[in-house]
Protein backbone atom coordinates (compact mmCIF):
# COMPACT_ATOMS: atom_id res chain seq x y z
CA MET A 1 -70.53 -5.10 -25.29
CA GLY A 2 -73.49 -7.21 -24.22
CA LEU A 3 -74.95 -7.06 -20.73
CA GLU A 4 -73.52 -10.51 -20.06
CA GLU A 5 -70.04 -8.94 -20.10
CA ARG A 6 -70.79 -5.99 -17.86
CA VAL A 7 -70.03 -5.36 -14.20
CA ILE A 8 -72.83 -3.22 -12.77
CA LEU A 9 -73.16 -1.64 -9.33
CA VAL A 10 -76.73 -1.01 -8.12
CA SER A 11 -77.46 0.95 -4.94
CA GLY A 12 -80.61 0.41 -2.91
CA ALA A 13 -80.65 -3.16 -4.16
CA SER A 14 -82.35 -4.78 -1.20
CA ARG A 15 -85.90 -3.80 -2.14
CA GLY A 16 -88.19 -1.98 -4.57
CA ILE A 17 -86.74 -0.50 -7.75
CA GLY A 18 -83.18 -1.40 -6.76
CA ARG A 19 -83.99 -5.08 -6.27
CA ALA A 20 -86.03 -5.23 -9.48
CA THR A 21 -83.16 -3.59 -11.38
CA ALA A 22 -80.52 -5.94 -9.96
CA LEU A 23 -82.60 -8.98 -10.90
CA ALA A 24 -83.44 -7.66 -14.38
CA LEU A 25 -79.79 -7.01 -15.19
CA ALA A 26 -78.71 -10.39 -13.81
CA ALA A 27 -81.41 -11.98 -15.99
CA ASP A 28 -79.60 -10.40 -18.98
CA GLY A 29 -76.34 -11.99 -17.86
CA ALA A 30 -74.67 -9.10 -16.07
CA THR A 31 -72.52 -9.39 -12.97
CA VAL A 32 -74.39 -7.20 -10.51
CA ILE A 33 -73.05 -5.88 -7.23
CA GLY A 34 -76.02 -4.86 -5.12
CA ILE A 35 -75.31 -2.54 -2.23
CA ALA A 36 -77.62 -1.45 0.57
CA ARG A 37 -77.62 -1.11 4.31
CA PRO A 38 -77.42 -4.48 6.11
CA SER A 39 -80.71 -6.38 6.08
CA GLU A 40 -82.14 -9.85 5.60
CA GLU A 41 -83.43 -8.71 2.20
CA LEU A 42 -79.91 -7.85 1.07
CA THR A 43 -78.52 -11.15 2.36
CA GLU A 44 -81.05 -13.19 0.40
CA LEU A 45 -80.57 -11.26 -2.85
CA PRO A 46 -77.82 -13.47 -4.40
CA SER A 47 -79.94 -16.59 -3.99
CA LEU A 48 -82.75 -14.99 -6.01
CA ALA A 49 -80.37 -14.87 -8.99
CA SER A 50 -79.14 -18.45 -8.63
CA ASP A 51 -81.01 -19.62 -11.76
CA LEU A 52 -80.30 -16.53 -13.84
CA PRO A 53 -77.65 -16.20 -16.57
CA GLY A 54 -75.81 -13.56 -14.54
CA ASN A 55 -75.21 -13.28 -10.83
CA ILE A 56 -75.64 -10.88 -7.94
CA GLU A 57 -73.15 -10.15 -5.19
CA ALA A 58 -74.52 -8.43 -2.09
CA VAL A 59 -72.40 -5.82 -0.33
CA ALA A 60 -73.52 -4.07 2.85
CA ALA A 61 -72.79 -0.35 2.58
CA ASP A 62 -74.54 2.87 3.54
CA VAL A 63 -74.49 5.33 0.64
CA ARG A 64 -74.55 8.20 3.16
CA SER A 65 -71.06 7.17 4.28
CA ALA A 66 -68.19 8.23 2.00
CA SER A 67 -65.93 5.55 3.50
CA ASP A 68 -68.52 2.77 3.03
CA VAL A 69 -68.95 3.76 -0.61
CA ALA A 70 -65.20 4.06 -1.26
CA ASP A 71 -64.58 0.64 0.28
CA ALA A 72 -67.39 -0.99 -1.71
CA VAL A 73 -66.23 0.47 -5.04
CA ALA A 74 -62.58 -0.44 -4.35
CA ALA A 75 -63.65 -4.02 -3.59
CA VAL A 76 -65.48 -4.22 -6.92
CA GLU A 77 -62.40 -3.09 -8.82
CA ARG A 78 -60.14 -5.53 -6.94
CA ARG A 79 -62.48 -8.45 -7.58
CA HIS A 80 -63.52 -7.74 -11.16
CA GLY A 81 -60.88 -5.36 -12.52
CA ARG A 82 -63.51 -3.05 -13.97
CA LEU A 83 -66.82 -1.31 -13.38
CA ASP A 84 -68.99 -0.62 -16.39
CA VAL A 85 -72.22 0.79 -15.00
CA LEU A 86 -73.39 2.50 -11.82
CA VAL A 87 -77.13 2.60 -11.14
CA ASN A 88 -78.09 4.98 -8.30
CA VAL A 89 -81.41 3.91 -6.82
CA ALA A 90 -81.14 4.21 -3.02
CA GLY A 91 -83.63 6.73 -1.68
CA VAL A 92 -85.97 7.68 1.14
CA GLU A 93 -89.09 9.83 1.27
CA ARG A 94 -90.80 11.42 4.26
CA VAL A 95 -94.02 13.10 3.21
CA LYS A 96 -94.80 16.03 5.52
CA PRO A 97 -95.70 19.70 5.27
CA LEU A 98 -92.48 21.69 5.40
CA ASP A 99 -93.18 23.27 8.78
CA THR A 100 -93.35 19.81 10.38
CA VAL A 101 -90.12 18.50 8.82
CA THR A 102 -87.47 17.88 11.48
CA ASP A 103 -83.74 18.28 11.03
CA GLU A 104 -83.46 14.49 11.15
CA ASP A 105 -86.07 14.14 8.37
CA TYR A 106 -84.16 16.64 6.25
CA GLU A 107 -80.76 15.05 6.80
CA ALA A 108 -81.97 11.50 6.21
CA THR A 109 -83.64 12.51 2.95
CA VAL A 110 -80.92 14.72 1.49
CA ASP A 111 -78.04 12.55 2.73
CA THR A 112 -79.50 9.42 1.11
CA ASN A 113 -81.04 10.83 -2.05
CA LEU A 114 -78.42 13.40 -3.04
CA ARG A 115 -75.27 12.91 -0.97
CA GLY A 116 -75.41 9.16 -1.67
CA VAL A 117 -75.46 9.81 -5.43
CA PHE A 118 -72.55 12.22 -5.05
CA HIS A 119 -70.52 9.69 -3.04
CA LEU A 120 -71.05 6.92 -5.57
CA CYS A 121 -70.40 9.06 -8.66
CA ARG A 122 -67.21 10.46 -7.16
CA ALA A 123 -66.00 6.95 -6.26
CA VAL A 124 -66.61 5.34 -9.67
CA LEU A 125 -65.40 8.14 -11.94
CA PRO A 126 -61.65 7.39 -11.62
CA ILE A 127 -62.27 3.78 -12.69
CA MET A 128 -64.46 4.76 -15.62
CA ARG A 129 -62.01 7.43 -16.73
CA ARG A 130 -59.17 4.89 -16.74
CA GLN A 131 -61.36 2.58 -18.82
CA GLN A 132 -62.39 5.46 -21.11
CA GLN A 133 -65.92 4.13 -20.92
CA GLY A 134 -68.73 3.78 -18.41
CA HIS A 135 -72.34 4.61 -17.74
CA ILE A 136 -73.95 6.28 -14.73
CA VAL A 137 -77.72 5.95 -14.38
CA SER A 138 -79.50 7.79 -11.58
CA VAL A 139 -83.11 7.15 -10.67
CA ALA A 140 -84.48 10.56 -9.64
CA SER A 141 -88.24 11.18 -9.63
CA ALA A 142 -91.05 13.09 -11.25
CA ALA A 143 -90.66 15.14 -8.06
CA GLY A 144 -87.27 16.16 -9.46
CA ILE A 145 -88.86 18.03 -12.35
CA ARG A 146 -91.89 19.49 -10.54
CA GLY A 147 -92.70 20.08 -6.91
CA PHE A 148 -95.44 18.27 -4.99
CA ARG A 149 -97.40 19.26 -1.92
CA ASP A 150 -96.02 17.97 1.40
CA ASP A 151 -92.91 16.70 -0.41
CA ALA A 152 -90.66 19.76 -0.53
CA VAL A 153 -87.49 18.21 0.89
CA TYR A 154 -87.81 15.04 -1.21
CA SER A 155 -88.43 17.21 -4.29
CA ALA A 156 -85.39 19.34 -3.45
CA SER A 157 -83.20 16.26 -3.15
CA LYS A 158 -84.42 14.88 -6.47
CA PHE A 159 -84.09 18.25 -8.24
CA GLY A 160 -80.53 18.10 -6.94
CA VAL A 161 -79.97 14.70 -8.52
CA VAL A 162 -81.29 15.94 -11.88
CA GLY A 163 -78.98 18.96 -11.71
CA LEU A 164 -75.99 16.90 -10.60
CA MET A 165 -76.43 14.47 -13.49
CA ASP A 166 -76.94 17.25 -16.02
CA ALA A 167 -73.73 18.99 -14.94
CA LEU A 168 -71.80 15.73 -14.70
CA ASP A 169 -72.73 14.91 -18.28
CA GLU A 170 -70.90 18.06 -19.36
CA GLU A 171 -67.80 16.96 -17.41
CA VAL A 172 -67.43 13.34 -18.47
CA ARG A 173 -68.79 12.97 -21.99
CA SER A 174 -65.32 13.44 -23.45
CA ASP A 175 -64.10 10.51 -21.31
CA GLY A 176 -66.55 8.12 -22.97
CA ILE A 177 -68.85 8.10 -19.95
CA ARG A 178 -72.60 8.24 -20.52
CA ILE A 179 -75.07 9.84 -18.10
CA THR A 180 -78.75 8.94 -17.84
CA THR A 181 -81.39 10.28 -15.46
CA ILE A 182 -84.69 8.45 -14.99
CA CYS A 183 -87.67 10.26 -13.45
CA PRO A 184 -90.47 7.86 -12.52
CA GLY A 185 -93.93 8.87 -11.41
CA ALA A 186 -95.63 7.01 -8.56
CA VAL A 187 -94.16 3.51 -8.10
CA ASP A 188 -95.72 0.85 -5.88
CA THR A 189 -92.94 0.32 -3.34
CA THR A 190 -92.55 0.49 0.43
CA LEU A 191 -91.18 4.00 -0.07
CA VAL A 192 -94.73 5.18 -0.69
CA THR A 193 -96.16 5.74 2.79
CA TRP A 194 -98.62 8.45 1.80
CA VAL A 195 -101.12 6.02 0.25
CA GLU A 196 -102.54 3.08 2.18
CA PRO A 197 -101.52 -0.37 0.86
CA ASP A 198 -105.12 -1.27 -0.05
CA SER A 199 -105.93 2.06 -1.70
CA PRO A 200 -107.45 1.74 -5.19
CA TYR A 201 -104.90 4.31 -6.35
CA ARG A 202 -102.14 1.70 -5.91
CA SER A 203 -103.44 -0.22 -8.92
CA ARG A 204 -102.57 2.77 -11.11
CA PHE A 205 -98.96 2.99 -9.97
CA LEU A 206 -95.91 1.79 -11.87
CA ALA A 207 -94.37 -1.50 -10.76
CA PRO A 208 -90.67 -1.54 -9.78
CA GLY A 209 -90.03 -3.66 -12.86
CA ASP A 210 -91.31 -0.87 -15.10
CA VAL A 211 -88.50 1.39 -13.90
CA ALA A 212 -86.00 -1.47 -14.10
CA ALA A 213 -86.97 -1.88 -17.77
CA ALA A 214 -86.16 1.79 -18.39
CA VAL A 215 -82.75 1.32 -16.76
CA ARG A 216 -82.09 -1.72 -18.90
CA PHE A 217 -83.16 0.15 -22.05
CA ALA A 218 -80.72 2.99 -21.39
CA ILE A 219 -77.83 0.66 -20.61
CA ALA A 220 -78.42 -1.57 -23.64
CA GLN A 221 -77.97 1.22 -26.21
CA PRO A 222 -74.88 1.18 -28.45
CA ALA A 223 -71.84 2.92 -27.01
CA HIS A 224 -72.31 5.98 -29.25
CA VAL A 225 -75.90 6.50 -28.09
CA VAL A 226 -76.76 8.45 -24.92
CA VAL A 227 -80.26 8.35 -23.48
CA GLY A 228 -80.09 11.48 -21.36
CA LEU A 229 -83.47 11.74 -19.63
CA ILE A 230 -86.33 9.25 -19.31
CA VAL A 231 -89.65 10.18 -17.73
CA VAL A 232 -91.73 7.11 -16.86
CA ARG A 233 -95.19 7.57 -15.42
CA PRO A 234 -98.48 5.69 -15.10
CA LEU A 235 -100.86 6.12 -18.01
CA VAL A 236 -103.51 7.31 -15.55
CA GLU A 237 -102.01 9.01 -12.51
CA PRO A 238 -104.34 10.56 -9.93
CA PRO A 239 -103.46 14.05 -8.67
CA HIS A 240 -100.96 13.99 -5.84
CA SER A 241 -103.30 15.99 -3.62
CA GLU A 242 -106.09 13.50 -4.27
CA MET A 243 -103.92 10.61 -3.13
CA LEU A 244 -103.15 12.38 0.14
CA SER A 245 -106.45 11.24 1.64
CA LEU A 246 -107.48 11.75 5.25
CA GLU A 247 -106.41 8.17 5.90
CA SER A 248 -102.88 8.70 4.59
CA PRO A 249 -99.92 9.11 6.97
CA ALA A 250 -99.15 12.54 5.53
CA ALA A 251 -102.61 13.81 6.38
CA ARG A 252 -102.03 13.09 10.06
CA PHE A 253 -99.45 15.87 10.16
CA ARG A 254 -101.88 18.52 8.92
CA ALA A 255 -103.71 20.92 11.15
CA PRO A 256 -107.50 20.79 10.79
CA ALA A 257 -109.01 23.31 8.42
CA ARG A 258 -110.36 26.51 9.93
CA THR A 259 -114.12 26.89 10.01
CA GLY A 260 -114.36 30.53 10.85
């Protein structure tokens, strides 16, 4: 089945990797349902696909809300009668030393990055099982396969996504459902607040479209082929600690070094 025949749900579609993925799949002819929290960026998304072979429908939904997700997925099935691919992209990152992380920081990060993936997977599985085919792609992070300084909660949430997808693969393979996890290194998006916008390190980062291309590659494989894990990183990636310069937002949370 070509991408032009597929109905694909993309979370976090209003910006960054999610937006790039929605547009890339619509360019291949897919019907894309982009979900995100309400914003002007989400509202304008369908118009960006107006000249593409496929199309994008924008749906306002918060992945942290089980009812929002259930309603959005039910609406897709009513409108299109099927759902072929789920791409989990929605995520947040708050870079801080662990002893400065607030409860609100923790909840916002884990609820979006991990609970949101859980909500969406749980909602789409009954549809995909009835179809006896489907594909779930989750964009985790390089921080989901190794920890990084001042990023413990984000890393924990992304390790959780990697584990969730690995276990889910064992559950659903016999139903014809494929599972793919993508772990990008540093990507130049608004999510990255720990490097200043004009930092020379930004030029080394991946572009959102690089990750979108990995998503497209996994989805485009023949039905009998499963691409389980993709790690995408810049060819030259500076050390994480190096990028946390004194000018970075994360550095402002650090106590000054002792001198005696």
